[in-house]
Amino acid sequence: VQTSTNLKDWVTVLTNTVPFTFTTNKSNAD
């Protein structure tokens, strides 16, 4: 699973075995 703020630069935040549930905290300010 990777994340980006601009669709150009991607950072891997998790590797896991399918299937799985990904959870992260996203504030209302995002």
PDB file of all heavy atoms in Angstrom:
ATOM      1  N   VAL A   1       0.862  -1.174   0.000  1.00  0.00           N
ATOM      2  CA  VAL A   1       0.000   0.000   0.000  1.00  0.00           C
ATOM      3  C   VAL A   1       0.898   1.223   0.000  1.00  0.00           C
ATOM      4  O   VAL A   1       1.832   1.320   0.811  1.00  0.00           O
ATOM      5  CB  VAL A   1      -0.937   0.019   1.220  1.00  0.00           C
ATOM      6  CG1 VAL A   1      -1.737   1.316   1.265  1.00  0.00           C
ATOM      7  CG2 VAL A   1      -1.874  -1.178   1.193  1.00  0.00           C
ATOM      8  N   GLN A   2       0.626   2.157  -0.910  1.00  0.00           N
ATOM      9  CA  GLN A   2       1.419   3.368  -1.018  1.00  0.00           C
ATOM     10  C   GLN A   2       0.524   4.596  -0.897  1.00  0.00           C
ATOM     11  O   GLN A   2      -0.670   4.533  -1.192  1.00  0.00           O
ATOM     12  CB  GLN A   2       2.171   3.397  -2.350  1.00  0.00           C
ATOM     13  CG  GLN A   2       3.184   2.275  -2.510  1.00  0.00           C
ATOM     14  CD  GLN A   2       3.910   2.360  -3.847  1.00  0.00           C
ATOM     15  OE1 GLN A   2       3.279   2.489  -4.888  1.00  0.00           O
ATOM     16  NE2 GLN A   2       5.231   2.295  -3.806  1.00  0.00           N
ATOM     17  N   THR A   3       1.125   5.706  -0.471  1.00  0.00           N
ATOM     18  CA  THR A   3       0.380   6.956  -0.346  1.00  0.00           C
ATOM     19  C   THR A   3       1.125   8.086  -1.044  1.00  0.00           C
ATOM     20  O   THR A   3       2.352   8.039  -1.196  1.00  0.00           O
ATOM     21  CB  THR A   3       0.147   7.307   1.139  1.00  0.00           C
ATOM     22  OG1 THR A   3      -0.670   8.468   1.224  1.00  0.00           O
ATOM     23  CG2 THR A   3       1.464   7.568   1.852  1.00  0.00           C
ATOM     24  N   SER A   4       0.360   9.079  -1.462  1.00  0.00           N
ATOM     25  CA  SER A   4       0.931  10.223  -2.162  1.00  0.00           C
ATOM     26  C   SER A   4       0.041  11.430  -1.945  1.00  0.00           C
ATOM     27  O   SER A   4      -1.157  11.284  -1.681  1.00  0.00           O
ATOM     28  CB  SER A   4       1.056   9.924  -3.663  1.00  0.00           C
ATOM     29  OG  SER A   4       1.452  11.082  -4.388  1.00  0.00           O
ATOM     30  N   THR A   5       0.622  12.606  -2.062  1.00  0.00           N
ATOM     31  CA  THR A   5      -0.168  13.841  -2.010  1.00  0.00           C
ATOM     32  C   THR A   5      -0.274  14.510  -3.378  1.00  0.00           C
ATOM     33  O   THR A   5      -1.003  15.496  -3.530  1.00  0.00           O
ATOM     34  CB  THR A   5       0.454  14.844  -1.020  1.00  0.00           C
ATOM     35  OG1 THR A   5       1.800  15.130  -1.427  1.00  0.00           O
ATOM     36  CG2 THR A   5       0.442  14.289   0.398  1.00  0.00           C
ATOM     37  N   ASN A   6       0.446  13.968  -4.368  1.00  0.00           N
ATOM     38  CA  ASN A   6       0.450  14.621  -5.682  1.00  0.00           C
ATOM     39  C   ASN A   6       0.333  13.657  -6.858  1.00  0.00           C
ATOM     40  O   ASN A   6       0.431  14.072  -8.012  1.00  0.00           O
ATOM     41  CB  ASN A   6       1.727  15.458  -5.848  1.00  0.00           C
ATOM     42  CG  ASN A   6       2.993  14.630  -5.668  1.00  0.00           C
ATOM     43  OD1 ASN A   6       2.962  13.399  -5.710  1.00  0.00           O
ATOM     44  ND2 ASN A   6       4.113  15.321  -5.470  1.00  0.00           N
ATOM     45  N   LEU A   7       0.162  12.374  -6.577  1.00  0.00           N
ATOM     46  CA  LEU A   7       0.062  11.328  -7.607  1.00  0.00           C
ATOM     47  C   LEU A   7       1.354  11.137  -8.393  1.00  0.00           C
ATOM     48  O   LEU A   7       1.359  10.434  -9.396  1.00  0.00           O
ATOM     49  CB  LEU A   7      -1.099  11.619  -8.577  1.00  0.00           C
ATOM     50  CG  LEU A   7      -2.512  11.393  -8.036  1.00  0.00           C
ATOM     51  CD1 LEU A   7      -3.547  11.805  -9.078  1.00  0.00           C
ATOM     52  CD2 LEU A   7      -2.716   9.952  -7.627  1.00  0.00           C
ATOM     53  N   LYS A   8       2.444  11.747  -7.921  1.00  0.00           N
ATOM     54  CA  LYS A   8       3.745  11.565  -8.572  1.00  0.00           C
ATOM     55  C   LYS A   8       4.724  10.859  -7.652  1.00  0.00           C
ATOM     56  O   LYS A   8       5.431   9.938  -8.072  1.00  0.00           O
ATOM     57  CB  LYS A   8       4.308  12.919  -9.006  1.00  0.00           C
ATOM     58  CG  LYS A   8       3.482  13.630 -10.071  1.00  0.00           C
ATOM     59  CD  LYS A   8       4.113  14.977 -10.432  1.00  0.00           C
ATOM     60  CE  LYS A   8       3.301  15.691 -11.490  1.00  0.00           C
ATOM     61  NZ  LYS A   8       3.887  17.019 -11.848  1.00  0.00           N
ATOM     62  N   ASP A   9       4.809  11.324  -6.417  1.00  0.00           N
ATOM     63  CA  ASP A   9       5.761  10.770  -5.454  1.00  0.00           C
ATOM     64  C   ASP A   9       5.012   9.834  -4.509  1.00  0.00           C
ATOM     65  O   ASP A   9       4.121  10.270  -3.766  1.00  0.00           O
ATOM     66  CB  ASP A   9       6.425  11.897  -4.666  1.00  0.00           C
ATOM     67  CG  ASP A   9       7.117  12.902  -5.576  1.00  0.00           C
ATOM     68  OD1 ASP A   9       7.888  12.460  -6.444  1.00  0.00           O
ATOM     69  OD2 ASP A   9       6.847  14.113  -5.434  1.00  0.00           O
ATOM     70  N   TRP A  10       5.397   8.560  -4.526  1.00  0.00           N
ATOM     71  CA  TRP A  10       4.683   7.549  -3.754  1.00  0.00           C
ATOM     72  C   TRP A  10       5.582   6.979  -2.661  1.00  0.00           C
ATOM     73  O   TRP A  10       6.766   6.751  -2.881  1.00  0.00           O
ATOM     74  CB  TRP A  10       4.210   6.416  -4.660  1.00  0.00           C
ATOM     75  CG  TRP A  10       3.124   6.853  -5.606  1.00  0.00           C
ATOM     76  CD1 TRP A  10       3.291   7.329  -6.873  1.00  0.00           C
ATOM     77  CD2 TRP A  10       1.732   6.864  -5.342  1.00  0.00           C
ATOM     78  NE1 TRP A  10       2.068   7.641  -7.426  1.00  0.00           N
ATOM     79  CE2 TRP A  10       1.090   7.366  -6.502  1.00  0.00           C
ATOM     80  CE3 TRP A  10       0.955   6.504  -4.241  1.00  0.00           C
ATOM     81  CZ2 TRP A  10      -0.278   7.508  -6.590  1.00  0.00           C
ATOM     82  CZ3 TRP A  10      -0.423   6.642  -4.329  1.00  0.00           C
ATOM     83  CH2 TRP A  10      -1.023   7.141  -5.493  1.00  0.00           C
ATOM     84  N   VAL A  11       5.015   6.752  -1.506  1.00  0.00           N
ATOM     85  CA  VAL A  11       5.735   6.174  -0.361  1.00  0.00           C
ATOM     86  C   VAL A  11       5.012   4.912   0.074  1.00  0.00           C
ATOM     87  O   VAL A  11       3.784   4.929   0.291  1.00  0.00           O
ATOM     88  CB  VAL A  11       5.807   7.166   0.817  1.00  0.00           C
ATOM     89  CG1 VAL A  11       6.472   6.523   2.013  1.00  0.00           C
ATOM     90  CG2 VAL A  11       6.537   8.439   0.405  1.00  0.00           C
ATOM     91  N   THR A  12       5.740   3.820   0.191  1.00  0.00           N
ATOM     92  CA  THR A  12       5.150   2.572   0.670  1.00  0.00           C
ATOM     93  C   THR A  12       4.962   2.661   2.178  1.00  0.00           C
ATOM     94  O   THR A  12       5.902   2.938   2.919  1.00  0.00           O
ATOM     95  CB  THR A  12       6.034   1.369   0.321  1.00  0.00           C
ATOM     96  OG1 THR A  12       6.145   1.270  -1.113  1.00  0.00           O
ATOM     97  CG2 THR A  12       5.433   0.076   0.869  1.00  0.00           C
ATOM     98  N   VAL A  13       3.742   2.453   2.628  1.00  0.00           N
ATOM     99  CA  VAL A  13       3.435   2.557   4.061  1.00  0.00           C
ATOM    100  C   VAL A  13       3.110   1.207   4.680  1.00  0.00           C
ATOM    101  O   VAL A  13       3.062   1.084   5.906  1.00  0.00           O
ATOM    102  CB  VAL A  13       2.260   3.533   4.297  1.00  0.00           C
ATOM    103  CG1 VAL A  13       2.687   4.958   3.983  1.00  0.00           C
ATOM    104  CG2 VAL A  13       1.031   3.147   3.494  1.00  0.00           C
ATOM    105  N   LEU A  14       2.908   0.182   3.841  1.00  0.00           N
ATOM    106  CA  LEU A  14       2.585  -1.131   4.383  1.00  0.00           C
ATOM    107  C   LEU A  14       2.761  -2.192   3.303  1.00  0.00           C
ATOM    108  O   LEU A  14       2.455  -1.953   2.138  1.00  0.00           O
ATOM    109  CB  LEU A  14       1.126  -1.168   4.880  1.00  0.00           C
ATOM    110  CG  LEU A  14       0.617  -2.503   5.428  1.00  0.00           C
ATOM    111  CD1 LEU A  14       1.286  -2.811   6.774  1.00  0.00           C
ATOM    112  CD2 LEU A  14      -0.900  -2.510   5.573  1.00  0.00           C
ATOM    113  N   THR A  15       3.300  -3.332   3.703  1.00  0.00           N
ATOM    114  CA  THR A  15       3.235  -4.535   2.875  1.00  0.00           C
ATOM    115  C   THR A  15       2.530  -5.598   3.693  1.00  0.00           C
ATOM    116  O   THR A  15       2.739  -5.698   4.910  1.00  0.00           O
ATOM    117  CB  THR A  15       4.633  -5.025   2.454  1.00  0.00           C
ATOM    118  OG1 THR A  15       5.410  -5.302   3.618  1.00  0.00           O
ATOM    119  CG2 THR A  15       5.332  -3.976   1.614  1.00  0.00           C
ATOM    120  N   ASN A  16       1.710  -6.394   3.028  1.00  0.00           N
ATOM    121  CA  ASN A  16       0.924  -7.377   3.763  1.00  0.00           C
ATOM    122  C   ASN A  16       0.473  -8.475   2.821  1.00  0.00           C
ATOM    123  O   ASN A  16       0.650  -8.385   1.605  1.00  0.00           O
ATOM    124  CB  ASN A  16      -0.279  -6.704   4.427  1.00  0.00           C
ATOM    125  CG  ASN A  16      -0.722  -7.416   5.691  1.00  0.00           C
ATOM    126  OD1 ASN A  16      -0.419  -8.598   5.890  1.00  0.00           O
ATOM    127  ND2 ASN A  16      -1.437  -6.701   6.553  1.00  0.00           N
ATOM    128  N   THR A  17      -0.116  -9.497   3.413  1.00  0.00           N
ATOM    129  CA  THR A  17      -0.612 -10.633   2.650  1.00  0.00           C
ATOM    130  C   THR A  17      -2.103 -10.461   2.381  1.00  0.00           C
ATOM    131  O   THR A  17      -2.887 -10.219   3.299  1.00  0.00           O
ATOM    132  CB  THR A  17      -0.377 -11.947   3.422  1.00  0.00           C
ATOM    133  OG1 THR A  17       1.017 -12.097   3.688  1.00  0.00           O
ATOM    134  CG2 THR A  17      -0.863 -13.139   2.603  1.00  0.00           C
ATOM    135  N   VAL A  18      -2.487 -10.539   1.144  1.00  0.00           N
ATOM    136  CA  VAL A  18      -3.884 -10.378   0.728  1.00  0.00           C
ATOM    137  C   VAL A  18      -4.712 -11.569   1.222  1.00  0.00           C
ATOM    138  O   VAL A  18      -4.258 -12.706   1.117  1.00  0.00           O
ATOM    139  CB  VAL A  18      -3.969 -10.272  -0.807  1.00  0.00           C
ATOM    140  CG1 VAL A  18      -5.416 -10.185  -1.288  1.00  0.00           C
ATOM    141  CG2 VAL A  18      -3.154  -9.078  -1.305  1.00  0.00           C
ATOM    142  N   PRO A  19      -5.921 -11.334   1.758  1.00  0.00           N
ATOM    143  CA  PRO A  19      -6.605 -10.055   1.956  1.00  0.00           C
ATOM    144  C   PRO A  19      -6.252  -9.440   3.301  1.00  0.00           C
ATOM    145  O   PRO A  19      -5.867 -10.142   4.235  1.00  0.00           O
ATOM    146  CB  PRO A  19      -8.079 -10.466   1.923  1.00  0.00           C
ATOM    147  CG  PRO A  19      -8.074 -11.841   2.532  1.00  0.00           C
ATOM    148  CD  PRO A  19      -6.803 -12.480   2.071  1.00  0.00           C
ATOM    149  N   PHE A  20      -6.400  -8.117   3.420  1.00  0.00           N
ATOM    150  CA  PHE A  20      -6.157  -7.446   4.693  1.00  0.00           C
ATOM    151  C   PHE A  20      -6.880  -6.107   4.700  1.00  0.00           C
ATOM    152  O   PHE A  20      -7.360  -5.629   3.665  1.00  0.00           O
ATOM    153  CB  PHE A  20      -4.657  -7.239   4.935  1.00  0.00           C
ATOM    154  CG  PHE A  20      -3.977  -6.354   3.921  1.00  0.00           C
ATOM    155  CD1 PHE A  20      -3.863  -4.981   4.112  1.00  0.00           C
ATOM    156  CD2 PHE A  20      -3.437  -6.911   2.761  1.00  0.00           C
ATOM    157  CE1 PHE A  20      -3.234  -4.179   3.175  1.00  0.00           C
ATOM    158  CE2 PHE A  20      -2.802  -6.107   1.820  1.00  0.00           C
ATOM    159  CZ  PHE A  20      -2.707  -4.743   2.024  1.00  0.00           C
ATOM    160  N   THR A  21      -6.972  -5.505   5.885  1.00  0.00           N
ATOM    161  CA  THR A  21      -7.582  -4.187   6.046  1.00  0.00           C
ATOM    162  C   THR A  21      -6.514  -3.190   6.450  1.00  0.00           C
ATOM    163  O   THR A  21      -5.747  -3.440   7.386  1.00  0.00           O
ATOM    164  CB  THR A  21      -8.701  -4.213   7.097  1.00  0.00           C
ATOM    165  OG1 THR A  21      -9.740  -5.091   6.646  1.00  0.00           O
ATOM    166  CG2 THR A  21      -9.289  -2.826   7.321  1.00  0.00           C
ATOM    167  N   PHE A  22      -6.465  -2.092   5.735  1.00  0.00           N
ATOM    168  CA  PHE A  22      -5.509  -1.019   6.015  1.00  0.00           C
ATOM    169  C   PHE A  22      -6.219   0.096   6.773  1.00  0.00           C
ATOM    170  O   PHE A  22      -7.307   0.538   6.376  1.00  0.00           O
ATOM    171  CB  PHE A  22      -4.950  -0.470   4.708  1.00  0.00           C
ATOM    172  CG  PHE A  22      -4.034   0.715   4.874  1.00  0.00           C
ATOM    173  CD1 PHE A  22      -2.707   0.541   5.197  1.00  0.00           C
ATOM    174  CD2 PHE A  22      -4.521   2.011   4.715  1.00  0.00           C
ATOM    175  CE1 PHE A  22      -1.857   1.637   5.352  1.00  0.00           C
ATOM    176  CE2 PHE A  22      -3.693   3.104   4.871  1.00  0.00           C
ATOM    177  CZ  PHE A  22      -2.349   2.911   5.197  1.00  0.00           C
ATOM    178  N   THR A  23      -5.590   0.566   7.859  1.00  0.00           N
ATOM    179  CA  THR A  23      -6.174   1.634   8.664  1.00  0.00           C
ATOM    180  C   THR A  23      -5.117   2.687   8.951  1.00  0.00           C
ATOM    181  O   THR A  23      -3.982   2.365   9.287  1.00  0.00           O
ATOM    182  CB  THR A  23      -6.718   1.099  10.004  1.00  0.00           C
ATOM    183  OG1 THR A  23      -7.675   0.072   9.744  1.00  0.00           O
ATOM    184  CG2 THR A  23      -7.387   2.211  10.801  1.00  0.00           C
ATOM    185  N   THR A  24      -5.501   3.966   8.799  1.00  0.00           N
ATOM    186  CA  THR A  24      -4.597   5.054   9.140  1.00  0.00           C
ATOM    187  C   THR A  24      -5.416   6.217   9.660  1.00  0.00           C
ATOM    188  O   THR A  24      -6.604   6.325   9.397  1.00  0.00           O
ATOM    189  CB  THR A  24      -3.781   5.508   7.922  1.00  0.00           C
ATOM    190  OG1 THR A  24      -2.793   6.458   8.332  1.00  0.00           O
ATOM    191  CG2 THR A  24      -4.658   6.133   6.863  1.00  0.00           C
ATOM    192  N   ASN A  25      -4.788   7.108  10.412  1.00  0.00           N
ATOM    193  CA  ASN A  25      -5.492   8.271  10.932  1.00  0.00           C
ATOM    194  C   ASN A  25      -5.376   9.410   9.949  1.00  0.00           C
ATOM    195  O   ASN A  25      -4.289   9.799   9.540  1.00  0.00           O
ATOM    196  CB  ASN A  25      -4.911   8.707  12.278  1.00  0.00           C
ATOM    197  CG  ASN A  25      -5.634   9.917  12.833  1.00  0.00           C
ATOM    198  OD1 ASN A  25      -5.251  11.052  12.607  1.00  0.00           O
ATOM    199  ND2 ASN A  25      -6.718   9.663  13.559  1.00  0.00           N
ATOM    200  N   LYS A  26      -6.540   9.956   9.549  1.00  0.00           N
ATOM    201  CA  LYS A  26      -6.564  11.126   8.680  1.00  0.00           C
ATOM    202  C   LYS A  26      -7.393  12.185   9.366  1.00  0.00           C
ATOM    203  O   LYS A  26      -8.581  12.006   9.617  1.00  0.00           O
ATOM    204  CB  LYS A  26      -7.180  10.802   7.315  1.00  0.00           C
ATOM    205  CG  LYS A  26      -6.441   9.709   6.564  1.00  0.00           C
ATOM    206  CD  LYS A  26      -4.983  10.020   6.334  1.00  0.00           C
ATOM    207  CE  LYS A  26      -4.779  11.262   5.528  1.00  0.00           C
ATOM    208  NZ  LYS A  26      -3.344  11.593   5.344  1.00  0.00           N
ATOM    209  N   SER A  27      -6.798  13.315   9.670  1.00  0.00           N
ATOM    210  CA  SER A  27      -7.516  14.375  10.366  1.00  0.00           C
ATOM    211  C   SER A  27      -8.447  15.086   9.414  1.00  0.00           C
ATOM    212  O   SER A  27      -8.306  15.023   8.193  1.00  0.00           O
ATOM    213  CB  SER A  27      -6.532  15.376  10.968  1.00  0.00           C
ATOM    214  OG  SER A  27      -5.939  16.149   9.945  1.00  0.00           O
ATOM    215  N   ASN A  28      -9.418  15.806   9.977  1.00  0.00           N
ATOM    216  CA  ASN A  28     -10.371  16.558   9.153  1.00  0.00           C
ATOM    217  C   ASN A  28      -9.690  17.662   8.365  1.00  0.00           C
ATOM    218  O   ASN A  28     -10.247  18.188   7.417  1.00  0.00           O
ATOM    219  CB  ASN A  28     -11.463  17.159  10.040  1.00  0.00           C
ATOM    220  CG  ASN A  28     -12.387  16.097  10.583  1.00  0.00           C
ATOM    221  OD1 ASN A  28     -12.519  15.043   9.992  1.00  0.00           O
ATOM    222  ND2 ASN A  28     -13.009  16.373  11.705  1.00  0.00           N
ATOM    223  N   ALA A  29      -8.468  18.045   8.774  1.00  0.00           N
ATOM    224  CA  ALA A  29      -7.775  19.133   8.088  1.00  0.00           C
ATOM    225  C   ALA A  29      -7.144  18.677   6.773  1.00  0.00           C
ATOM    226  O   ALA A  29      -6.770  19.490   5.954  1.00  0.00           O
ATOM    227  CB  ALA A  29      -6.698  19.727   8.992  1.00  0.00           C
ATOM    228  N   ASP A  30      -6.997  17.361   6.581  1.00  0.00           N
ATOM    229  CA  ASP A  30      -6.377  16.873   5.365  1.00  0.00           C
ATOM    230  C   ASP A  30      -7.271  17.164   4.172  1.00  0.00           C
ATOM    231  O   ASP A  30      -8.428  16.765   4.140  1.00  0.00           O
ATOM    232  CB  ASP A  30      -6.146  15.366   5.449  1.00  0.00           C
ATOM    233  CG  ASP A  30      -5.069  15.016   6.470  1.00  0.00           C
ATOM    234  OD1 ASP A  30      -4.163  15.840   6.674  1.00  0.00           O
ATOM    235  OD2 ASP A  30      -5.159  13.939   7.048  1.00  0.00           O
TER     236      ASP A  30
END
